Amino acid sequence: MTNSTEQATKGQGGLTRAALFGLCPCCAAHTLWDAPAGFAPSCRSCALVFADYEPRGRGLYIVLLPLTFLLAAGALKLDDAVRPPLWLMLGLMVAVVPGVIIGVLRLTKAALLIARLRAEGVLA
């Protein structure tokens, strides 16, 4: 026999599903992301307003600054180890850096959204 909390949370998107696929934490519809790393104003299925929970301002610097230093250190280490041509290094950085930053921002914002929704009692 299943308990009621297990049934209430069944089908809801988790952190990775919300970050990667844009699933709403409440109804699991693909409505979370409107931009690569920006929430949609609200869910079109359950009408949950994401804009109220989106982190703004300097709060994400705690994630972005160390990530920027790690990416720069990785680029320098790669340059020392492999010595690729400048055009290849620039092309690699143009391809890798935005993808990593957007991915980490999506993961961080989804985690903060889920934490804030749980703190307010919207999610179980």
Protein backbone atom coordinates (compact mmCIF):
# COMPACT_ATOMS: atom_id res chain seq x y z
CA MET A 1 0.00 0.00 0.00
CA THR A 2 1.36 3.44 -0.87
CA ASN A 3 1.10 6.45 1.36
CA SER A 4 -0.48 9.74 0.36
CA THR A 5 2.79 11.72 0.16
CA GLU A 6 4.20 9.24 -2.33
CA GLN A 7 1.10 9.57 -4.49
CA ALA A 8 1.13 13.36 -4.21
CA THR A 9 4.71 13.62 -5.50
CA LYS A 10 4.42 10.93 -8.18
CA GLY A 11 4.84 12.37 -11.66
CA GLN A 12 6.35 15.66 -10.50
CA GLY A 13 9.59 16.68 -12.14
CA GLY A 14 12.77 16.55 -10.09
CA LEU A 15 15.71 18.90 -10.12
CA THR A 16 17.51 17.44 -13.11
CA ARG A 17 14.31 17.04 -15.12
CA ALA A 18 13.38 20.65 -14.37
CA ALA A 19 16.83 21.93 -15.31
CA LEU A 20 17.41 19.85 -18.42
CA PHE A 21 13.96 19.44 -19.91
CA GLY A 22 12.17 22.49 -18.50
CA LEU A 23 9.55 20.52 -16.59
CA CYS A 24 7.32 22.46 -14.21
CA PRO A 25 7.93 21.19 -10.64
CA CYS A 26 4.18 21.10 -9.96
CA CYS A 27 2.60 19.59 -13.08
CA ALA A 28 5.63 18.29 -15.06
CA ALA A 29 4.67 20.22 -18.22
CA HIS A 30 7.47 21.54 -20.47
CA THR A 31 6.89 25.18 -19.52
CA LEU A 32 9.70 26.20 -17.14
CA TRP A 33 12.21 27.87 -19.47
CA ASP A 34 11.45 30.80 -21.75
CA ALA A 35 15.09 31.65 -22.52
CA PRO A 36 18.26 29.54 -22.28
CA ALA A 37 18.62 30.38 -18.58
CA GLY A 38 15.48 32.40 -17.85
CA PHE A 39 12.18 31.25 -16.41
CA ALA A 40 8.95 31.66 -18.30
CA PRO A 41 6.57 34.14 -16.64
CA SER A 42 4.22 31.33 -15.59
CA CYS A 43 3.30 27.73 -16.32
CA ARG A 44 0.78 27.45 -19.13
CA SER A 45 -0.67 24.26 -17.63
CA CYS A 46 -1.04 24.87 -13.89
CA ALA A 47 -0.66 28.70 -13.85
CA LEU A 48 2.20 28.64 -11.30
CA VAL A 49 3.95 32.01 -11.52
CA PHE A 50 7.68 31.33 -11.95
CA ALA A 51 8.61 35.01 -12.08
CA ASP A 52 7.86 35.33 -8.34
CA TYR A 53 10.53 32.73 -7.52
CA GLU A 54 13.27 33.60 -10.02
CA PRO A 55 16.55 34.58 -8.36
CA ARG A 56 17.62 38.04 -9.42
CA GLY A 57 20.48 40.38 -8.67
CA ARG A 58 23.83 39.32 -7.30
CA GLY A 59 22.77 36.02 -5.74
CA LEU A 60 23.99 33.94 -8.66
CA TYR A 61 27.49 35.46 -8.51
CA ILE A 62 28.28 32.90 -5.82
CA VAL A 63 27.97 30.26 -8.55
CA LEU A 64 29.23 32.17 -11.57
CA LEU A 65 32.51 33.56 -10.19
CA PRO A 66 34.01 30.22 -9.11
CA LEU A 67 32.76 28.66 -12.34
CA THR A 68 34.45 31.39 -14.38
CA PHE A 69 37.73 30.85 -12.53
CA LEU A 70 37.49 27.07 -13.07
CA LEU A 71 36.82 27.52 -16.78
CA ALA A 72 39.75 29.93 -17.14
CA ALA A 73 42.05 27.56 -15.20
CA GLY A 74 40.88 24.66 -17.36
CA ALA A 75 41.60 26.62 -20.52
CA LEU A 76 45.10 27.47 -19.31
CA LYS A 77 45.75 23.86 -18.28
CA LEU A 78 44.54 22.63 -21.68
CA ASP A 79 46.78 25.16 -23.42
CA ASP A 80 49.80 24.00 -21.41
CA ALA A 81 49.10 20.31 -21.92
CA VAL A 82 48.10 20.15 -25.58
CA ARG A 83 49.28 23.45 -27.14
CA PRO A 84 46.45 23.70 -29.69
CA PRO A 85 46.48 26.46 -32.31
CA LEU A 86 44.88 29.73 -31.29
CA TRP A 87 41.92 29.35 -33.67
CA LEU A 88 41.12 25.91 -32.24
CA MET A 89 41.38 27.16 -28.66
CA LEU A 90 39.11 30.14 -29.39
CA GLY A 91 36.59 27.95 -31.17
CA LEU A 92 36.58 25.48 -28.31
CA MET A 93 36.08 28.21 -25.72
CA VAL A 94 33.28 29.82 -27.74
CA ALA A 95 31.52 26.46 -27.88
CA VAL A 96 32.19 25.18 -24.35
CA VAL A 97 31.98 28.22 -22.07
CA PRO A 98 28.42 29.37 -22.91
CA GLY A 99 27.13 25.79 -22.73
CA VAL A 100 28.66 25.18 -19.33
CA ILE A 101 27.49 28.51 -17.93
CA ILE A 102 23.93 28.07 -19.22
CA GLY A 103 23.82 24.51 -17.92
CA VAL A 104 25.01 25.48 -14.45
CA LEU A 105 22.66 28.48 -14.35
CA ARG A 106 19.71 26.27 -15.29
CA LEU A 107 20.62 23.73 -12.63
CA THR A 108 21.10 26.40 -9.96
CA LYS A 109 17.91 28.28 -10.82
CA ALA A 110 15.87 25.07 -10.88
CA ALA A 111 17.28 24.08 -7.48
CA LEU A 112 16.43 27.49 -6.03
CA LEU A 113 12.94 27.36 -7.53
CA ILE A 114 12.23 23.93 -6.06
CA ALA A 115 13.64 24.97 -2.67
CA ARG A 116 11.52 28.13 -2.60
CA LEU A 117 8.39 26.24 -3.66
CA ARG A 118 8.96 23.68 -0.89
CA ALA A 119 9.59 26.43 1.67
CA GLU A 120 6.27 28.07 0.80
CA GLY A 121 4.44 24.77 0.88
CA VAL A 122 3.55 24.69 -2.82
CA LEU A 123 5.48 21.43 -3.27
CA ALA A 124 5.43 18.55 -0.84
